[in-house]
Protein backbone atom coordinates (compact mmCIF):
# COMPACT_ATOMS: atom_id res chain seq x y z
CA MET A 1 -53.52 57.70 -27.17
CA GLU A 2 -54.66 56.90 -23.64
CA ARG A 3 -52.31 57.83 -20.86
CA SER A 4 -52.34 56.84 -17.23
CA LYS A 5 -52.35 59.34 -14.40
CA ASP A 6 -48.60 58.77 -14.05
CA GLY A 7 -48.03 59.75 -17.65
CA PHE A 8 -47.38 56.24 -19.07
CA ASP A 9 -48.91 55.08 -22.31
CA SER A 10 -51.16 52.09 -21.39
CA SER A 11 -50.67 50.44 -24.79
CA PHE A 12 -46.94 50.46 -24.18
CA LEU A 13 -47.48 48.68 -20.88
CA TYR A 14 -49.66 46.06 -22.59
CA TYR A 15 -46.88 45.58 -25.13
CA ILE A 16 -44.31 45.02 -22.39
CA PHE A 17 -46.54 42.43 -20.69
CA ASP A 18 -47.10 40.65 -24.03
CA VAL A 19 -43.35 40.47 -24.59
CA LEU A 20 -42.75 39.12 -21.09
CA PHE A 21 -45.45 36.45 -21.42
CA ALA A 22 -44.16 35.49 -24.86
CA SER A 23 -40.60 35.29 -23.55
CA ARG A 24 -41.75 33.04 -20.73
CA ALA A 25 -43.48 30.75 -23.19
CA VAL A 26 -40.40 30.63 -25.43
CA TYR A 27 -38.21 29.97 -22.38
CA GLY A 28 -40.45 27.07 -21.36
CA ILE A 29 -40.28 25.57 -24.85
CA LEU A 30 -36.49 25.96 -25.07
CA LYS A 31 -36.00 24.57 -21.56
CA ALA A 32 -38.08 21.50 -22.36
CA TYR A 33 -36.24 21.01 -25.66
CA PHE A 34 -32.72 21.28 -24.24
CA ALA A 35 -33.60 19.32 -21.10
CA GLY A 36 -34.69 16.46 -23.31
CA LYS A 37 -31.62 16.82 -25.51
CA PHE A 38 -29.22 16.89 -22.55
CA GLU A 39 -30.93 13.86 -21.02
CA ARG A 40 -30.51 11.96 -24.30
CA LEU A 41 -26.85 12.98 -24.42
CA ARG A 42 -26.37 11.87 -20.81
CA ILE A 43 -27.91 8.48 -21.55
CA GLN A 44 -25.76 8.10 -24.66
CA GLU A 45 -22.61 8.96 -22.68
CA GLU A 46 -23.56 6.47 -19.98
CA GLN A 47 -24.13 3.78 -22.59
CA ARG A 48 -20.83 4.66 -24.25
CA ARG A 49 -19.01 4.28 -20.95
CA GLN A 50 -20.69 0.97 -20.25
CA HIS A 51 -19.62 -0.34 -23.65
CA ARG A 52 -16.15 1.23 -23.46
CA LYS A 53 -13.32 -1.26 -23.46
CA PRO A 54 -11.73 -1.33 -19.98
CA VAL A 55 -8.21 0.09 -19.96
CA LYS A 56 -5.77 -2.62 -18.86
CA VAL A 57 -2.42 -1.65 -17.40
CA TYR A 58 0.55 -3.86 -16.62
CA MET A 59 3.25 -3.44 -14.02
CA ASP A 60 6.00 -5.94 -13.26
CA GLY A 61 8.75 -6.40 -10.73
CA CYS A 62 10.45 -8.61 -8.18
CA PHE A 63 8.41 -7.28 -5.25
CA ASP A 64 10.95 -8.68 -2.82
CA MET A 65 10.18 -7.89 0.84
CA MET A 66 6.92 -6.24 -0.20
CA HIS A 67 6.46 -2.83 1.45
CA PHE A 68 4.17 0.18 1.17
CA GLY A 69 6.37 1.69 -1.56
CA HIS A 70 5.51 -1.29 -3.78
CA ALA A 71 1.85 -0.98 -2.81
CA ASN A 72 1.81 2.73 -3.62
CA ALA A 73 3.29 2.02 -7.05
CA LEU A 74 0.51 -0.51 -7.68
CA ARG A 75 -2.08 2.01 -6.47
CA GLN A 76 -0.82 4.60 -8.94
CA ALA A 77 -0.68 2.04 -11.75
CA LYS A 78 -4.32 1.10 -11.11
CA ALA A 79 -5.25 4.81 -11.28
CA LEU A 80 -4.05 4.85 -14.91
CA GLY A 81 -6.66 2.32 -15.98
CA ASP A 82 -9.52 0.07 -14.96
CA TYR A 83 -7.79 -3.30 -14.57
CA LEU A 84 -4.31 -3.92 -13.15
CA VAL A 85 -2.26 -6.95 -14.19
CA VAL A 86 0.96 -7.50 -12.25
CA GLY A 87 3.88 -9.49 -13.62
CA LEU A 88 6.02 -11.30 -11.04
CA CYS A 89 9.56 -12.48 -11.82
CA SER A 90 10.62 -15.97 -10.76
CA ASP A 91 13.46 -16.59 -8.30
CA GLU A 92 15.64 -17.81 -11.18
CA GLU A 93 15.05 -14.64 -13.21
CA ILE A 94 15.85 -12.40 -10.23
CA ILE A 95 19.06 -14.29 -9.46
CA ARG A 96 20.16 -13.83 -13.08
CA HIS A 97 19.63 -10.07 -13.02
CA LYS A 98 20.00 -8.95 -9.40
CA GLY A 99 21.16 -11.80 -7.19
CA PRO A 100 19.15 -13.96 -4.75
CA PRO A 101 15.85 -12.56 -3.46
CA VAL A 102 15.14 -12.59 0.27
CA MET A 103 11.61 -13.92 -0.16
CA ASN A 104 10.90 -16.92 -2.37
CA GLU A 105 8.49 -16.76 -5.30
CA LYS A 106 5.55 -18.29 -3.41
CA GLU A 107 5.90 -15.74 -0.60
CA ARG A 108 6.22 -12.89 -3.08
CA TYR A 109 3.19 -14.10 -5.06
CA LYS A 110 0.98 -14.11 -1.94
CA ALA A 111 2.17 -10.63 -0.99
CA VAL A 112 1.41 -9.14 -4.43
CA ALA A 113 -1.95 -10.90 -4.80
CA SER A 114 -3.08 -9.53 -1.43
CA VAL A 115 -2.77 -5.87 -2.49
CA LYS A 116 -6.26 -4.43 -2.92
CA TRP A 117 -5.48 -2.61 -6.16
CA VAL A 118 -4.28 -5.77 -7.96
CA ASP A 119 -6.75 -7.57 -10.22
CA GLU A 120 -4.54 -10.31 -11.69
CA VAL A 121 -1.02 -11.71 -11.25
CA ILE A 122 1.08 -13.32 -13.99
CA PHE A 123 3.92 -15.42 -12.59
CA GLY A 124 7.22 -16.10 -14.31
CA VAL A 125 7.53 -12.98 -16.45
CA PRO A 126 10.89 -11.85 -17.90
CA TYR A 127 12.81 -9.10 -16.12
CA GLU A 128 13.07 -7.18 -19.39
CA VAL A 129 9.91 -6.42 -21.38
CA THR A 130 11.11 -7.38 -24.84
CA ALA A 131 9.22 -6.69 -28.07
CA GLU A 132 8.17 -10.35 -28.12
CA PHE A 133 6.84 -10.30 -24.57
CA LEU A 134 5.10 -6.98 -25.19
CA ASP A 135 3.33 -8.55 -28.16
CA ARG A 136 2.23 -11.43 -25.92
CA LEU A 137 0.88 -9.02 -23.29
CA ILE A 138 -1.15 -7.23 -25.94
CA ARG A 139 -2.48 -10.39 -27.61
CA GLU A 140 -3.17 -12.61 -24.59
CA TYR A 141 -3.96 -10.07 -21.88
CA GLN A 142 -5.18 -7.07 -23.95
CA ILE A 143 -2.73 -4.78 -22.14
CA ASP A 144 -2.93 -1.13 -23.18
CA TYR A 145 -0.05 0.35 -21.19
CA ILE A 146 3.04 -0.79 -19.29
CA VAL A 147 3.81 1.20 -16.14
CA HIS A 148 7.00 1.80 -14.16
CA GLY A 149 8.35 4.31 -11.68
CA ASP A 150 10.43 7.33 -12.63
CA ASP A 151 13.66 5.57 -11.59
CA ALA A 152 15.67 3.81 -14.30
CA CYS A 153 15.56 0.02 -14.61
CA TYR A 154 18.31 -1.88 -16.42
CA SER A 155 18.61 -5.53 -17.44
CA ALA A 156 21.68 -7.72 -16.83
CA ASN A 157 23.28 -6.47 -20.07
CA GLY A 158 22.87 -2.84 -19.02
CA GLN A 159 20.02 -2.07 -21.41
CA ASP A 160 16.86 -0.15 -20.54
CA ALA A 161 14.42 -2.89 -19.48
CA TYR A 162 11.53 -0.96 -21.05
CA TYR A 163 13.16 0.17 -24.31
CA ALA A 164 10.78 -1.85 -26.51
CA VAL A 165 7.75 -0.55 -24.62
CA LYS A 166 8.83 3.08 -24.95
CA LYS A 167 9.53 2.58 -28.65
CA ALA A 168 6.00 1.21 -29.10
CA GLY A 169 4.50 4.23 -27.32
CA ARG A 170 2.89 2.15 -24.58
CA PHE A 171 5.00 3.26 -21.61
CA LYS A 172 3.61 5.34 -18.73
CA THR A 173 5.58 6.72 -15.78
CA ILE A 174 4.44 7.02 -12.18
CA LYS A 175 6.04 8.75 -9.22
CA ARG A 176 8.40 6.56 -7.25
CA THR A 177 7.67 6.46 -3.50
CA GLU A 178 10.71 7.91 -1.78
CA GLY A 179 11.88 7.13 1.73
CA VAL A 180 11.52 3.36 1.57
CA SER A 181 12.91 0.56 -0.54
CA SER A 182 13.88 -3.09 -0.16
CA THR A 183 17.50 -1.92 -0.26
CA ASP A 184 16.88 0.45 2.64
CA LEU A 185 15.20 -2.28 4.69
CA VAL A 186 18.12 -4.66 4.13
CA GLY A 187 20.43 -1.88 5.28
CA ARG A 188 18.42 -1.43 8.48
CA MET A 189 18.72 -5.15 9.21
CA LEU A 190 22.42 -5.39 8.42
CA LEU A 191 23.30 -2.35 10.52
CA CYS A 192 20.49 -2.73 13.07
CA THR A 193 19.81 1.00 13.26
CA ARG A 194 16.91 2.48 15.21
CA ASP A 195 16.94 5.86 13.47
CA HIS A 196 13.64 5.08 11.75
CA HIS A 197 11.72 4.56 15.02
CA ILE A 198 9.04 7.05 16.07
CA GLU A 199 8.61 8.29 19.64
CA ASN A 200 5.35 7.38 21.31
CA ILE A 201 2.99 9.98 22.76
CA ASN A 202 4.98 10.03 26.01
CA GLY A 203 8.18 10.83 24.14
CA GLU A 204 9.61 7.40 24.94
CA HIS A 205 12.12 6.12 22.43
CA LYS A 206 14.81 4.47 24.52
CA VAL A 207 15.57 0.79 23.96
CA ASN A 208 14.60 -1.60 26.72
CA GLU A 209 17.72 -2.36 28.72
CA THR A 210 16.78 -6.00 29.26
CA THR A 211 16.35 -6.87 25.60
CA GLY A 212 18.20 -4.12 23.77
CA LYS A 213 21.44 -5.93 23.06
CA SER A 214 23.92 -4.34 20.75
CA SER A 215 22.98 -4.75 17.13
CA ARG A 216 26.53 -5.66 16.30
CA ASP A 217 26.63 -8.35 19.01
CA PHE A 218 23.69 -10.12 17.43
CA PHE A 219 24.80 -9.92 13.82
CA THR A 220 28.51 -10.41 14.49
CA GLU A 221 29.65 -7.22 12.87
CA GLU A 222 27.59 -7.63 9.71
CA ALA A 223 28.87 -4.48 8.04
CA ASP A 224 31.91 -2.30 8.57
CA ASP A 225 31.01 0.74 6.50
CA GLU A 226 27.86 2.22 7.99
CA THR A 227 27.85 5.28 5.78
CA SER A 228 27.78 3.15 2.64
CA LEU A 229 24.88 0.97 3.72
CA SER A 230 22.66 3.13 5.87
CA LYS A 231 20.25 5.78 4.64
CA SER A 232 18.30 8.31 6.61
CA SER A 233 14.63 7.75 5.85
CA THR A 234 13.02 10.58 3.93
CA PHE A 235 9.52 9.13 4.10
CA LEU A 236 7.10 11.92 4.99
CA PRO A 237 3.74 10.57 6.23
CA THR A 238 0.75 12.68 5.24
CA THR A 239 -3.00 12.52 5.77
CA ARG A 240 -3.37 12.33 1.99
CA ARG A 241 -1.34 9.13 1.90
CA LEU A 242 -3.42 7.60 4.70
CA ILE A 243 -6.64 8.50 2.87
CA GLN A 244 -5.31 6.97 -0.36
CA PHE A 245 -4.44 3.70 1.37
CA ALA A 246 -7.68 3.62 3.36
CA GLN A 247 -9.58 3.85 0.08
CA GLY A 248 -12.46 1.39 -0.05
CA GLY A 249 -12.75 1.24 3.73
CA ARG A 250 -16.19 1.21 5.27
CA THR A 251 -17.91 1.81 8.58
CA PRO A 252 -19.11 -1.39 10.27
CA LYS A 253 -22.86 -1.82 10.55
CA PRO A 254 -24.37 -2.44 14.01
CA GLU A 255 -25.16 -6.04 13.03
CA ASP A 256 -21.66 -6.76 11.62
CA LYS A 257 -19.47 -9.27 13.42
CA VAL A 258 -16.29 -7.27 14.10
CA VAL A 259 -13.09 -9.32 14.33
CA TYR A 260 -10.05 -7.79 16.04
CA ILE A 261 -6.45 -8.89 15.60
CA ASP A 262 -3.34 -7.02 16.71
CA GLY A 263 0.42 -7.19 16.43
CA ALA A 264 3.55 -5.46 15.18
CA PHE A 265 3.12 -6.62 11.57
CA ASP A 266 6.79 -5.80 11.08
CA MET A 267 8.21 -6.49 7.61
CA PHE A 268 4.61 -7.23 6.57
CA HIS A 269 4.92 -10.63 4.90
CA SER A 270 2.95 -13.60 3.56
CA GLY A 271 2.62 -15.15 7.03
CA HIS A 272 0.80 -12.04 8.26
CA ILE A 273 -1.35 -12.00 5.13
CA GLU A 274 -2.49 -15.61 5.53
CA THR A 275 -3.44 -14.95 9.16
CA LEU A 276 -5.37 -11.78 8.23
CA LYS A 277 -7.23 -13.65 5.52
CA ALA A 278 -8.23 -16.35 8.03
CA ALA A 279 -9.25 -13.67 10.56
CA LYS A 280 -11.47 -11.91 8.01
CA GLU A 281 -13.29 -15.19 7.35
CA LEU A 282 -14.36 -15.28 11.02
CA GLY A 283 -16.66 -12.28 10.64
CA ASP A 284 -17.83 -9.36 8.52
CA PHE A 285 -15.41 -6.58 9.46
CA LEU A 286 -11.69 -6.94 10.20
CA LEU A 287 -10.18 -4.39 12.59
CA VAL A 288 -6.38 -4.55 12.91
CA GLY A 289 -4.46 -3.06 15.82
CA ILE A 290 -0.85 -2.02 15.14
CA HIS A 291 1.48 -1.47 18.12
CA ASP A 292 3.70 1.62 18.18
CA ASP A 293 7.49 1.45 17.85
CA TYR A 294 8.18 1.88 21.56
CA THR A 295 5.85 -0.98 22.50
CA VAL A 296 7.34 -3.31 19.89
CA ASN A 297 10.90 -2.40 20.81
CA LYS A 298 10.26 -2.83 24.53
CA HIS A 299 8.75 -6.23 23.80
CA LYS A 300 11.28 -7.54 21.27
CA GLY A 301 14.38 -5.47 21.94
CA ARG A 302 17.37 -4.96 19.62
CA ASN A 303 16.41 -2.65 16.74
CA PHE A 304 12.87 -3.96 16.27
CA PRO A 305 10.63 -3.01 14.62
CA ILE A 306 12.53 -2.86 11.33
CA MET A 307 9.72 -0.75 9.86
CA ASN A 308 8.31 2.17 11.84
CA LEU A 309 4.67 2.65 12.78
CA HIS A 310 3.77 4.76 9.73
CA GLU A 311 5.36 2.27 7.35
CA ARG A 312 3.70 -0.73 9.00
CA THR A 313 0.32 1.02 9.01
CA LEU A 314 0.40 1.66 5.26
CA SER A 315 1.52 -1.91 4.58
CA VAL A 316 -1.42 -3.32 6.54
CA LEU A 317 -3.89 -0.84 4.97
CA SER A 318 -2.87 -2.01 1.49
CA CYS A 319 -4.08 -5.55 2.28
CA ARG A 320 -7.43 -6.41 0.70
CA TYR A 321 -8.60 -8.33 3.80
CA VAL A 322 -8.30 -5.34 6.16
CA ASP A 323 -11.24 -2.98 6.74
CA GLU A 324 -9.78 -0.63 9.36
CA VAL A 325 -6.69 -0.19 11.54
CA ILE A 326 -5.99 1.25 14.98
CA ILE A 327 -2.68 3.13 14.76
CA GLY A 328 -0.74 2.63 17.98
CA ALA A 329 -3.08 0.04 19.47
CA PRO A 330 -2.74 -0.77 23.21
CA TRP A 331 -0.72 -3.84 24.14
CA ALA A 332 -3.51 -5.37 26.22
CA VAL A 333 -7.06 -5.68 24.90
CA THR A 334 -9.43 -4.12 27.45
CA GLU A 335 -13.14 -4.59 28.05
CA ASP A 336 -13.74 -0.90 27.35
CA MET A 337 -12.03 -1.23 23.97
CA ILE A 338 -14.13 -4.29 23.12
CA LYS A 339 -17.34 -2.43 23.93
CA THR A 340 -16.29 0.78 22.17
CA MET A 341 -15.37 -1.02 18.95
CA ASN A 342 -18.26 -3.51 19.20
CA ILE A 343 -15.77 -6.37 18.87
CA SER A 344 -17.25 -9.87 18.65
CA ILE A 345 -14.04 -11.89 18.27
CA VAL A 346 -10.44 -11.24 19.32
CA CYS A 347 -7.97 -13.52 17.58
CA HIS A 348 -4.28 -14.20 17.10
CA GLY A 349 -2.21 -16.64 15.08
CA THR A 350 -0.71 -19.69 16.76
CA HIS A 351 2.74 -18.77 15.45
CA TRP A 352 4.36 -15.80 17.19
CA ASP A 353 7.48 -13.95 16.04
CA GLU A 354 10.44 -14.82 18.25
CA HIS A 355 10.97 -12.28 20.99
CA SER A 356 12.82 -11.68 24.21
CA THR A 357 11.08 -11.63 27.54
CA SER A 358 10.64 -8.21 29.09
CA ASP A 359 9.56 -7.36 32.63
CA GLY A 360 7.09 -4.86 31.27
CA PHE A 361 5.04 -7.44 29.35
CA LYS A 362 4.39 -10.39 31.65
CA VAL A 363 0.63 -9.79 31.67
CA ASP A 364 -1.35 -11.80 29.12
CA PRO A 365 -2.58 -9.17 26.62
CA TYR A 366 -5.59 -11.35 25.82
CA ALA A 367 -6.67 -12.11 29.40
CA VAL A 368 -9.88 -10.05 29.11
CA PRO A 369 -11.18 -11.50 25.81
CA LYS A 370 -10.32 -15.00 27.06
CA LYS A 371 -12.36 -14.38 30.21
CA MET A 372 -15.24 -13.07 28.08
CA GLY A 373 -15.09 -16.19 25.90
CA ILE A 374 -14.46 -14.30 22.65
CA TYR A 375 -10.78 -15.15 22.10
CA LYS A 376 -9.86 -17.46 19.23
CA GLU A 377 -6.52 -18.73 17.97
CA ILE A 378 -5.99 -19.06 14.24
CA PRO A 379 -3.79 -22.00 13.15
CA SER A 380 -0.81 -20.39 11.41
CA SER A 381 -0.09 -22.00 8.06
CA SER A 382 3.30 -20.25 7.81
CA LYS A 383 6.33 -20.24 10.10
CA LEU A 384 7.76 -17.14 8.45
CA SER A 385 8.89 -14.46 10.91
CA VAL A 386 11.00 -11.31 10.98
CA MET A 387 13.87 -13.27 12.52
CA GLU A 388 13.67 -15.79 9.67
CA ILE A 389 13.90 -12.95 7.15
CA ILE A 390 16.94 -11.50 8.95
CA GLU A 391 18.62 -14.91 9.07
CA ARG A 392 18.19 -15.26 5.30
CA ILE A 393 19.92 -11.93 4.80
CA VAL A 394 22.74 -12.80 7.20
CA LYS A 395 23.22 -16.13 5.42
CA ASN A 396 23.86 -14.32 2.13
CA ARG A 397 25.56 -11.38 3.82
CA GLU A 398 28.33 -10.79 1.28
CA GLN A 399 25.99 -10.86 -1.70
CA PHE A 400 23.55 -8.47 -0.08
CA ILE A 401 26.29 -6.02 0.94
CA THR A 402 27.60 -6.02 -2.64
CA ARG A 403 24.09 -5.40 -3.92
CA GLN A 404 23.59 -2.66 -1.32
CA LEU A 405 26.65 -0.77 -2.51
CA LYS A 406 25.52 -1.04 -6.14
CA LYS A 407 22.01 0.12 -5.31
CA GLN A 408 23.41 2.96 -3.22
CA ALA A 409 25.21 4.28 -6.29
CA GLN A 410 22.03 3.98 -8.37
CA GLU A 411 20.06 5.75 -5.64
CA GLN A 412 22.54 8.62 -5.60
CA GLN A 413 22.32 8.94 -9.37
CA TYR A 414 18.51 9.02 -9.17
CA LEU A 415 18.56 11.75 -6.50
CA GLU A 416 20.97 13.87 -8.54
CA THR A 417 19.01 13.62 -11.80
CA LYS A 418 15.43 13.33 -10.59
CA HIS A 419 12.78 15.79 -11.69
CA PHE A 420 9.26 16.45 -10.47
CA VAL A 421 6.68 13.82 -11.36
CA GLN A 422 3.09 14.34 -10.24
CA GLU A 423 1.89 11.46 -8.08
CA LEU A 424 -1.48 9.98 -8.97
């Protein structure tokens, strides 16, 4: 047997090379085979997904004084499926189970329909999802699951409003958004607290002396027991929450017509929504400026804004007509801001929320865009304002205080018995 100078058998080396070449050939064949197989499987999976029946989820409620907590519930509900159907109770149904709503059914419908995660709204649904109504949801709307928060919901007779759904195995739970509720907002208005306000970057938080009349003076001693109606906000703003609500946002293209509109957007309501919809129709990209709490309070006085900057920002971000927001926007629109943001149109509604005059805000905030010829007023189709909402609550003061006390007890029970639920 022939050996190399190094002592290796040459035939053994040839054998090793043959094995390596053969292995490479086998590897190539196997790679081609499995690559083709995996590609076929990928195509089959894609086709299966395309032909898969969309998962439809249903969530209902009163959605009175729509806030970001409602919007976050709808966002989570949408995450459980592909298509979100929202059931909205009529005024009559709410009165029967909870007492009079603050916002009427038309205002509540517009607020719910404007949320970017909502695909369809059914009006006039029952407060309790009975077996009969569940059957209708399945037959007529092809609903797969009914969704509700992890807080209990009872009908007028004290029964679990979702008993039939749970029995049918179609109930899914989502994490309730803590730190905000319609009950809490009513409490802020009845007591006129400013505890929820956020200091601006200069640390300014003090109420304007000219406009900051006593809360009690304005509402004529609306409530005597502060501890029973007020609640310290436990809302904790996070970057994750902002990212969730900014979902679907885009960067404007150089050729896009950017429309800018600003304001407090306090108690974000149907009047705001209609104006934002009209503003969006003026261009391609809607940029919304939201004033900070100090600016709003200095301008309007008393305990305004009712909702703080974080809460108002999330409410505006949940609106399907909004592309981007400026958090803590300047009171006056400057030429530098217009150039930086490539703004083509600056607009405002013709209806302004009532406010007190303050020495610090005598300058027209839209003087620059007016001079540049890019200012436009949008005819307001709604006269709804924060003051109007407060007046409705004051008008039904006794009923709302009674409801507040009842809800406070339910809230305490929830806090004592709650357990961890993963938010979607």
